[in-house]
């Protein structure tokens, strides 16, 4: 048989008040800002990465995708050296302003060089690498180099 304790409503109210206090604390600065920073980090763990890269592996190949919006095909270089793939983007933008009233011309140039290197755990066959670029998405397929299979012989004692 359950008995009613006069302390139970007080404990419940105290716990409810504690939760309200904690909720209020989480909504105030600087705690709210710190929690928001943590959330942002897990949404975008490498905010200073030059561009997003994804790697998918199958039995026969690696498939690397890179998001390169606004980049032209001729601004992209792809190299495979020592079991790693490097994607290099060289962007040069030239803008001009002509002021007819002041009879002046202003030309500005900016250059950006971005790169990402992806190492592979299995030797790759650079001769069987294919790349395609469409609508800002680069896809590189790199064939894995087949290793030599070694047969294990039975040893007779």
Protein backbone atom coordinates (compact mmCIF):
# COMPACT_ATOMS: atom_id res chain seq x y z
CA UNK A 1 0.00 0.00 0.00
CA UNK A 2 1.40 3.37 -1.01
CA UNK A 3 1.43 6.16 1.45
CA UNK A 4 1.47 9.82 0.62
CA UNK A 5 4.51 11.62 1.88
CA UNK A 6 4.21 15.33 2.50
CA UNK A 7 7.81 15.79 1.18
CA UNK A 8 7.05 14.48 -2.35
CA UNK A 9 5.34 17.65 -3.67
CA UNK A 10 8.16 19.76 -2.26
CA UNK A 11 10.82 17.56 -3.94
CA UNK A 12 8.88 17.69 -7.21
CA UNK A 13 8.63 21.50 -7.01
CA UNK A 14 12.33 21.77 -6.16
CA UNK A 15 13.29 19.58 -9.13
CA UNK A 16 11.00 21.55 -11.43
CA UNK A 17 12.54 24.81 -10.21
CA UNK A 18 16.04 23.41 -10.78
CA UNK A 19 15.15 22.47 -14.39
CA UNK A 20 13.73 25.97 -14.98
CA UNK A 21 16.93 27.51 -13.61
CA UNK A 22 19.10 25.31 -15.83
CA UNK A 23 16.99 26.12 -18.89
CA UNK A 24 17.26 29.83 -18.13
CA UNK A 25 21.04 29.51 -17.70
CA UNK A 26 21.34 27.78 -21.10
CA UNK A 27 19.45 30.64 -22.76
CA UNK A 28 21.67 33.39 -21.35
CA UNK A 29 25.00 34.63 -22.64
CA UNK A 30 27.78 33.46 -22.61
CA UNK A 31 26.50 29.88 -22.18
CA UNK A 32 24.10 30.17 -25.14
CA UNK A 33 26.93 31.45 -27.35
CA UNK A 34 29.23 28.60 -26.31
CA UNK A 35 26.53 26.01 -27.00
CA UNK A 36 25.82 27.63 -30.40
CA UNK A 37 29.55 27.48 -31.24
CA UNK A 38 29.62 23.78 -30.41
CA UNK A 39 26.56 23.16 -32.60
CA UNK A 40 28.16 25.13 -35.47
CA UNK A 41 31.39 23.14 -35.16
CA UNK A 42 29.60 19.82 -35.54
CA UNK A 43 27.61 21.14 -38.51
CA UNK A 44 30.80 22.45 -40.20
CA UNK A 45 33.83 20.81 -38.52
CA UNK A 46 36.40 22.39 -40.85
CA UNK A 47 35.17 25.93 -41.53
CA UNK A 48 38.45 26.99 -43.13
CA UNK A 49 38.62 24.07 -45.57
CA UNK A 50 38.97 25.52 -49.06
CA UNK A 51 36.15 23.39 -50.50
CA UNK A 52 34.05 20.38 -49.55
CA UNK A 53 35.38 16.96 -50.53
CA UNK A 54 33.74 13.56 -50.16
CA UNK A 55 35.40 10.15 -50.56
CA UNK A 56 33.54 6.93 -51.30
CA UNK A 57 35.29 3.58 -51.63
CA UNK A 58 34.20 0.51 -53.58
CA UNK A 59 36.04 -2.77 -54.05
CA UNK A 60 37.63 -1.58 -57.31
CA UNK A 61 38.04 2.18 -56.88
CA UNK A 62 37.91 5.36 -54.85
CA UNK A 63 35.36 7.98 -55.87
CA UNK A 64 36.26 11.52 -54.80
CA UNK A 65 33.79 14.37 -55.22
CA UNK A 66 34.60 18.04 -54.73
CA UNK A 67 32.13 20.92 -54.62
CA UNK A 68 33.61 23.76 -56.67
CA UNK A 69 30.81 26.26 -57.39
CA UNK A 70 31.82 29.12 -59.66
CA UNK A 71 35.07 27.42 -60.71
CA UNK A 72 35.79 26.89 -64.41
CA UNK A 73 37.09 23.56 -65.70
CA UNK A 74 40.40 25.11 -66.86
CA UNK A 75 41.07 26.42 -63.32
CA UNK A 76 41.25 22.87 -61.89
CA UNK A 77 44.36 20.66 -61.75
CA UNK A 78 44.38 17.07 -60.51
CA UNK A 79 47.55 15.21 -59.50
CA UNK A 80 48.18 11.76 -58.09
CA UNK A 81 51.49 11.42 -56.28
CA UNK A 82 52.55 8.81 -53.72
CA UNK A 83 49.12 7.27 -53.18
CA UNK A 84 47.35 10.58 -52.69
CA UNK A 85 45.15 12.80 -54.83
CA UNK A 86 45.61 16.58 -54.88
CA UNK A 87 42.93 18.86 -56.28
CA UNK A 88 44.26 22.34 -57.01
CA UNK A 89 42.11 25.34 -57.98
CA UNK A 90 43.71 28.49 -59.41
CA UNK A 91 41.18 31.30 -59.69
CA UNK A 92 42.03 34.69 -61.17
CA UNK A 93 39.37 37.37 -61.37
CA UNK A 94 39.84 40.64 -63.23
CA UNK A 95 37.37 43.49 -62.85
CA UNK A 96 37.35 46.86 -64.57
CA UNK A 97 35.59 50.11 -63.79
CA UNK A 98 35.36 52.99 -66.24
CA UNK A 99 34.33 56.40 -65.00
CA UNK A 100 33.27 58.49 -68.02
CA UNK A 101 32.86 61.66 -65.93
CA UNK A 102 36.35 61.58 -64.39
CA UNK A 103 37.84 59.93 -67.49
CA UNK A 104 39.48 57.20 -65.40
CA UNK A 105 39.81 53.45 -65.65
CA UNK A 106 40.37 51.15 -62.73
CA UNK A 107 41.47 47.53 -63.20
CA UNK A 108 41.65 45.09 -60.31
CA UNK A 109 42.91 41.53 -60.28
CA UNK A 110 42.66 38.95 -57.55
CA UNK A 111 44.05 35.45 -57.42
CA UNK A 112 43.19 32.53 -55.16
CA UNK A 113 44.90 29.18 -54.97
CA UNK A 114 43.03 26.45 -53.11
CA UNK A 115 44.03 22.83 -52.69
CA UNK A 116 43.01 19.65 -50.91
CA UNK A 117 45.02 16.44 -50.67
CA UNK A 118 43.35 13.10 -50.00
CA UNK A 119 45.58 10.16 -48.97
CA UNK A 120 44.57 6.59 -49.83
CA UNK A 121 45.25 3.48 -47.75
CA UNK A 122 45.46 1.15 -50.75
CA UNK A 123 47.85 1.66 -53.72
CA UNK A 124 46.11 3.33 -56.67
CA UNK A 125 46.52 2.98 -60.41
CA UNK A 126 46.97 6.55 -61.66
CA UNK A 127 46.74 5.37 -65.29
CA UNK A 128 43.13 4.30 -64.73
CA UNK A 129 41.97 7.58 -63.22
CA UNK A 130 39.00 9.38 -64.77
CA UNK A 131 37.62 12.81 -63.91
CA UNK A 132 34.45 14.67 -64.86
CA UNK A 133 33.22 18.16 -64.00
CA UNK A 134 29.66 19.38 -64.28
CA UNK A 135 27.64 22.14 -62.58
CA UNK A 136 30.35 22.85 -59.98
CA UNK A 137 30.81 19.21 -58.99
CA UNK A 138 34.11 17.46 -59.72
CA UNK A 139 34.12 13.67 -59.64
CA UNK A 140 37.38 11.71 -59.77
CA UNK A 141 37.40 7.91 -60.00
CA UNK A 142 40.73 6.33 -59.08
CA UNK A 143 41.21 2.61 -59.67
CA UNK A 144 42.82 0.57 -56.92
CA UNK A 145 45.97 -1.22 -57.91
CA UNK A 146 45.45 -4.95 -57.54
CA UNK A 147 47.98 -6.57 -55.28
CA UNK A 148 49.64 -9.86 -55.93
CA UNK A 149 47.82 -12.76 -54.34
CA UNK A 150 50.10 -15.13 -52.49
CA UNK A 151 49.11 -18.74 -52.11
CA UNK A 152 49.74 -20.39 -48.76
CA UNK A 153 51.20 -23.84 -49.08
CA UNK A 154 50.68 -26.68 -46.64
CA UNK A 155 53.86 -27.53 -44.78
CA UNK A 156 54.61 -31.13 -44.22
CA UNK A 157 56.42 -31.99 -41.07
